[in-house]
Amino acid sequence: MTSDETCADFLERIVCLLDNELDRSEVADVKAHLEECAPCLQSYDLQRQVKALVARSCMEHAPESLRQRVRVQIQQIQVTYTEG
């Protein structure tokens, strides 16, 4: 970490690390910082867990009964909008 870099700078880069948007040297810099900074490591772990949870949630499908109710409500809104 250079003297002008703060944890806030690394927190932004952690998101990029999780999204695989850093080049090799940036990855090495962020990982080195994480090895030395417990608060940033905690943030990294939390963000990694949230990202995994969101990814897992996006793979689930709504029950057919819910999907049908949503379709009916959308149709009702469309009818109301076109009649109004």
N, C-alpha and C. Protein backbone atom coordinates (compact mmCIF):
# COMPACT_ATOMS: atom_id res chain seq x y z
N MET A 1 0.86 -1.17 0.00
CA MET A 1 0.00 0.00 0.00
C MET A 1 0.90 1.22 0.00
N THR A 2 0.67 2.12 -0.94
CA THR A 2 1.43 3.36 -0.95
C THR A 2 0.90 4.28 0.12
N SER A 3 1.70 5.28 0.47
CA SER A 3 1.33 6.16 1.57
C SER A 3 0.05 6.95 1.31
N ASP A 4 -0.29 7.18 0.06
CA ASP A 4 -1.48 7.97 -0.23
C ASP A 4 -2.73 7.10 -0.45
N GLU A 5 -2.60 5.77 -0.36
CA GLU A 5 -3.75 4.89 -0.49
C GLU A 5 -4.35 4.62 0.89
N THR A 6 -5.66 4.66 0.95
CA THR A 6 -6.36 4.41 2.21
C THR A 6 -7.16 3.13 2.09
N CYS A 7 -7.70 2.70 3.21
CA CYS A 7 -8.57 1.52 3.18
C CYS A 7 -9.78 1.77 2.27
N ALA A 8 -10.27 2.99 2.24
CA ALA A 8 -11.40 3.31 1.36
C ALA A 8 -11.05 3.02 -0.10
N ASP A 9 -9.81 3.34 -0.48
CA ASP A 9 -9.37 3.03 -1.85
C ASP A 9 -9.41 1.52 -2.09
N PHE A 10 -8.97 0.76 -1.09
CA PHE A 10 -8.95 -0.68 -1.25
C PHE A 10 -10.35 -1.28 -1.22
N LEU A 11 -11.26 -0.67 -0.47
CA LEU A 11 -12.63 -1.20 -0.44
C LEU A 11 -13.27 -1.13 -1.82
N GLU A 12 -12.99 -0.07 -2.54
CA GLU A 12 -13.50 0.02 -3.92
C GLU A 12 -12.86 -1.04 -4.79
N ARG A 13 -11.57 -1.27 -4.59
CA ARG A 13 -10.85 -2.25 -5.41
C ARG A 13 -11.25 -3.68 -5.04
N ILE A 14 -11.71 -3.89 -3.80
CA ILE A 14 -12.17 -5.22 -3.39
C ILE A 14 -13.37 -5.64 -4.24
N VAL A 15 -14.27 -4.72 -4.49
CA VAL A 15 -15.43 -5.02 -5.34
C VAL A 15 -14.95 -5.43 -6.72
N CYS A 16 -13.98 -4.71 -7.25
CA CYS A 16 -13.43 -5.05 -8.57
C CYS A 16 -12.73 -6.41 -8.54
N LEU A 17 -12.06 -6.71 -7.43
CA LEU A 17 -11.41 -8.02 -7.28
C LEU A 17 -12.46 -9.13 -7.33
N LEU A 18 -13.55 -8.95 -6.60
CA LEU A 18 -14.61 -9.96 -6.58
C LEU A 18 -15.25 -10.14 -7.96
N ASP A 19 -15.26 -9.08 -8.75
CA ASP A 19 -15.85 -9.15 -10.09
C ASP A 19 -14.82 -9.49 -11.16
N ASN A 20 -13.60 -9.84 -10.73
CA ASN A 20 -12.51 -10.20 -11.66
C ASN A 20 -12.21 -9.08 -12.66
N GLU A 21 -12.18 -7.84 -12.15
CA GLU A 21 -11.96 -6.68 -13.02
C GLU A 21 -10.59 -6.02 -12.80
N LEU A 22 -9.68 -6.71 -12.12
CA LEU A 22 -8.36 -6.14 -11.86
C LEU A 22 -7.30 -6.89 -12.64
N ASP A 23 -6.23 -6.17 -13.00
CA ASP A 23 -5.12 -6.87 -13.63
C ASP A 23 -4.27 -7.53 -12.55
N ARG A 24 -3.29 -8.32 -12.96
CA ARG A 24 -2.52 -9.13 -12.01
C ARG A 24 -1.83 -8.30 -10.93
N SER A 25 -1.27 -7.18 -11.31
CA SER A 25 -0.55 -6.37 -10.31
C SER A 25 -1.52 -5.77 -9.30
N GLU A 26 -2.70 -5.37 -9.76
CA GLU A 26 -3.70 -4.83 -8.84
C GLU A 26 -4.22 -5.92 -7.89
N VAL A 27 -4.41 -7.13 -8.43
CA VAL A 27 -4.84 -8.25 -7.60
C VAL A 27 -3.82 -8.50 -6.50
N ALA A 28 -2.54 -8.49 -6.87
CA ALA A 28 -1.47 -8.71 -5.89
C ALA A 28 -1.47 -7.62 -4.83
N ASP A 29 -1.68 -6.36 -5.24
CA ASP A 29 -1.72 -5.24 -4.29
C ASP A 29 -2.87 -5.40 -3.30
N VAL A 30 -4.05 -5.73 -3.82
CA VAL A 30 -5.22 -5.85 -2.96
C VAL A 30 -5.05 -7.04 -2.01
N LYS A 31 -4.57 -8.16 -2.52
CA LYS A 31 -4.38 -9.33 -1.66
C LYS A 31 -3.34 -9.07 -0.59
N ALA A 32 -2.28 -8.34 -0.93
CA ALA A 32 -1.27 -7.99 0.07
C ALA A 32 -1.88 -7.12 1.16
N HIS A 33 -2.71 -6.17 0.76
CA HIS A 33 -3.37 -5.31 1.74
C HIS A 33 -4.30 -6.13 2.63
N LEU A 34 -5.04 -7.06 2.04
CA LEU A 34 -5.97 -7.89 2.82
C LEU A 34 -5.23 -8.73 3.86
N GLU A 35 -4.01 -9.15 3.54
CA GLU A 35 -3.22 -9.94 4.49
C GLU A 35 -2.80 -9.11 5.70
N GLU A 36 -2.73 -7.80 5.53
CA GLU A 36 -2.25 -6.92 6.60
C GLU A 36 -3.37 -6.16 7.31
N CYS A 37 -4.57 -6.14 6.75
CA CYS A 37 -5.63 -5.28 7.27
C CYS A 37 -6.88 -6.10 7.59
N ALA A 38 -7.08 -6.38 8.87
CA ALA A 38 -8.22 -7.20 9.29
C ALA A 38 -9.57 -6.57 8.92
N PRO A 39 -9.78 -5.25 9.11
CA PRO A 39 -11.08 -4.67 8.72
C PRO A 39 -11.39 -4.83 7.23
N CYS A 40 -10.40 -4.64 6.38
CA CYS A 40 -10.63 -4.81 4.94
C CYS A 40 -10.87 -6.27 4.60
N LEU A 41 -10.18 -7.18 5.30
CA LEU A 41 -10.40 -8.61 5.08
C LEU A 41 -11.83 -8.98 5.48
N GLN A 42 -12.32 -8.42 6.58
CA GLN A 42 -13.71 -8.67 6.99
C GLN A 42 -14.68 -8.15 5.93
N SER A 43 -14.40 -6.97 5.40
CA SER A 43 -15.25 -6.41 4.35
C SER A 43 -15.23 -7.30 3.12
N TYR A 44 -14.05 -7.77 2.75
CA TYR A 44 -13.91 -8.67 1.60
C TYR A 44 -14.75 -9.93 1.82
N ASP A 45 -14.62 -10.55 2.99
CA ASP A 45 -15.37 -11.77 3.29
C ASP A 45 -16.87 -11.52 3.23
N LEU A 46 -17.32 -10.40 3.81
CA LEU A 46 -18.74 -10.07 3.80
C LEU A 46 -19.24 -9.86 2.37
N GLN A 47 -18.50 -9.10 1.59
CA GLN A 47 -18.92 -8.84 0.21
C GLN A 47 -18.92 -10.12 -0.62
N ARG A 48 -17.95 -10.99 -0.36
CA ARG A 48 -17.88 -12.27 -1.07
C ARG A 48 -19.10 -13.12 -0.74
N GLN A 49 -19.48 -13.15 0.55
CA GLN A 49 -20.65 -13.92 0.97
C GLN A 49 -21.94 -13.35 0.38
N VAL A 50 -22.07 -12.04 0.38
CA VAL A 50 -23.27 -11.41 -0.20
C VAL A 50 -23.36 -11.72 -1.68
N LYS A 51 -22.24 -11.61 -2.38
CA LYS A 51 -22.22 -11.90 -3.82
C LYS A 51 -22.63 -13.35 -4.07
N ALA A 52 -22.15 -14.28 -3.26
CA ALA A 52 -22.50 -15.69 -3.42
C ALA A 52 -23.98 -15.91 -3.12
N LEU A 53 -24.50 -15.24 -2.10
CA LEU A 53 -25.91 -15.36 -1.76
C LEU A 53 -26.81 -14.83 -2.88
N VAL A 54 -26.44 -13.69 -3.43
CA VAL A 54 -27.22 -13.12 -4.53
C VAL A 54 -27.17 -14.05 -5.74
N ALA A 55 -26.00 -14.59 -6.03
CA ALA A 55 -25.88 -15.50 -7.17
C ALA A 55 -26.75 -16.74 -6.97
N ARG A 56 -26.74 -17.27 -5.75
CA ARG A 56 -27.55 -18.44 -5.44
C ARG A 56 -29.03 -18.11 -5.54
N SER A 57 -29.42 -16.94 -5.07
CA SER A 57 -30.82 -16.53 -5.09
C SER A 57 -31.32 -16.34 -6.51
N CYS A 58 -30.45 -15.89 -7.38
CA CYS A 58 -30.86 -15.65 -8.76
C CYS A 58 -31.10 -16.95 -9.52
N MET A 59 -30.66 -18.05 -8.97
CA MET A 59 -30.84 -19.34 -9.64
C MET A 59 -32.16 -19.98 -9.26
N GLU A 60 -32.80 -19.48 -8.21
CA GLU A 60 -34.07 -20.05 -7.77
C GLU A 60 -35.19 -19.54 -8.66
N HIS A 61 -36.22 -20.35 -8.80
CA HIS A 61 -37.38 -19.98 -9.61
C HIS A 61 -38.58 -19.78 -8.70
N ALA A 62 -39.38 -18.80 -9.03
CA ALA A 62 -40.60 -18.56 -8.26
C ALA A 62 -41.58 -19.71 -8.50
N PRO A 63 -42.36 -20.03 -7.48
CA PRO A 63 -43.39 -21.08 -7.67
C PRO A 63 -44.37 -20.66 -8.77
N GLU A 64 -44.90 -21.63 -9.45
CA GLU A 64 -45.82 -21.35 -10.57
C GLU A 64 -47.03 -20.54 -10.10
N SER A 65 -47.52 -20.81 -8.89
CA SER A 65 -48.69 -20.06 -8.40
C SER A 65 -48.35 -18.57 -8.27
N LEU A 66 -47.17 -18.25 -7.81
CA LEU A 66 -46.76 -16.85 -7.71
C LEU A 66 -46.60 -16.24 -9.09
N ARG A 67 -45.99 -16.97 -9.99
CA ARG A 67 -45.79 -16.47 -11.36
C ARG A 67 -47.14 -16.16 -12.00
N GLN A 68 -48.12 -17.03 -11.79
CA GLN A 68 -49.45 -16.82 -12.37
C GLN A 68 -50.11 -15.59 -11.77
N ARG A 69 -50.00 -15.39 -10.45
CA ARG A 69 -50.59 -14.20 -9.82
C ARG A 69 -49.95 -12.92 -10.36
N VAL A 70 -48.65 -12.96 -10.58
CA VAL A 70 -47.97 -11.78 -11.13
C VAL A 70 -48.47 -11.51 -12.55
N ARG A 71 -48.62 -12.56 -13.34
CA ARG A 71 -49.13 -12.37 -14.71
C ARG A 71 -50.52 -11.73 -14.70
N VAL A 72 -51.39 -12.21 -13.82
CA VAL A 72 -52.75 -11.67 -13.73
C VAL A 72 -52.70 -10.20 -13.33
N GLN A 73 -51.87 -9.85 -12.37
CA GLN A 73 -51.76 -8.45 -11.95
C GLN A 73 -51.22 -7.58 -13.07
N ILE A 74 -50.26 -8.07 -13.81
CA ILE A 74 -49.73 -7.29 -14.94
C ILE A 74 -50.82 -7.07 -15.98
N GLN A 75 -51.59 -8.11 -16.26
CA GLN A 75 -52.69 -7.97 -17.23
C GLN A 75 -53.72 -6.97 -16.74
N GLN A 76 -54.04 -6.99 -15.45
CA GLN A 76 -55.00 -6.04 -14.89
C GLN A 76 -54.47 -4.61 -15.01
N ILE A 77 -53.22 -4.43 -14.75
CA ILE A 77 -52.62 -3.10 -14.86
C ILE A 77 -52.65 -2.64 -16.31
N GLN A 78 -52.36 -3.54 -17.25
CA GLN A 78 -52.38 -3.18 -18.67
C GLN A 78 -53.78 -2.78 -19.08
N VAL A 79 -54.80 -3.52 -18.65
CA VAL A 79 -56.19 -3.19 -19.00
C VAL A 79 -56.57 -1.85 -18.41
N THR A 80 -56.24 -1.65 -17.14
CA THR A 80 -56.56 -0.37 -16.49
C THR A 80 -55.85 0.78 -17.18
N TYR A 81 -54.61 0.59 -17.56
CA TYR A 81 -53.83 1.65 -18.22
C TYR A 81 -54.43 1.97 -19.59
N THR A 82 -54.80 0.95 -20.35
CA THR A 82 -55.33 1.21 -21.70
C THR A 82 -56.75 1.77 -21.66
N GLU A 83 -57.51 1.42 -20.63
CA GLU A 83 -58.87 1.96 -20.51
C GLU A 83 -58.89 3.35 -19.93
N GLY A 84 -57.87 3.67 -19.14
CA GLY A 84 -57.83 4.97 -18.43
C GLY A 84 -57.30 6.03 -19.29
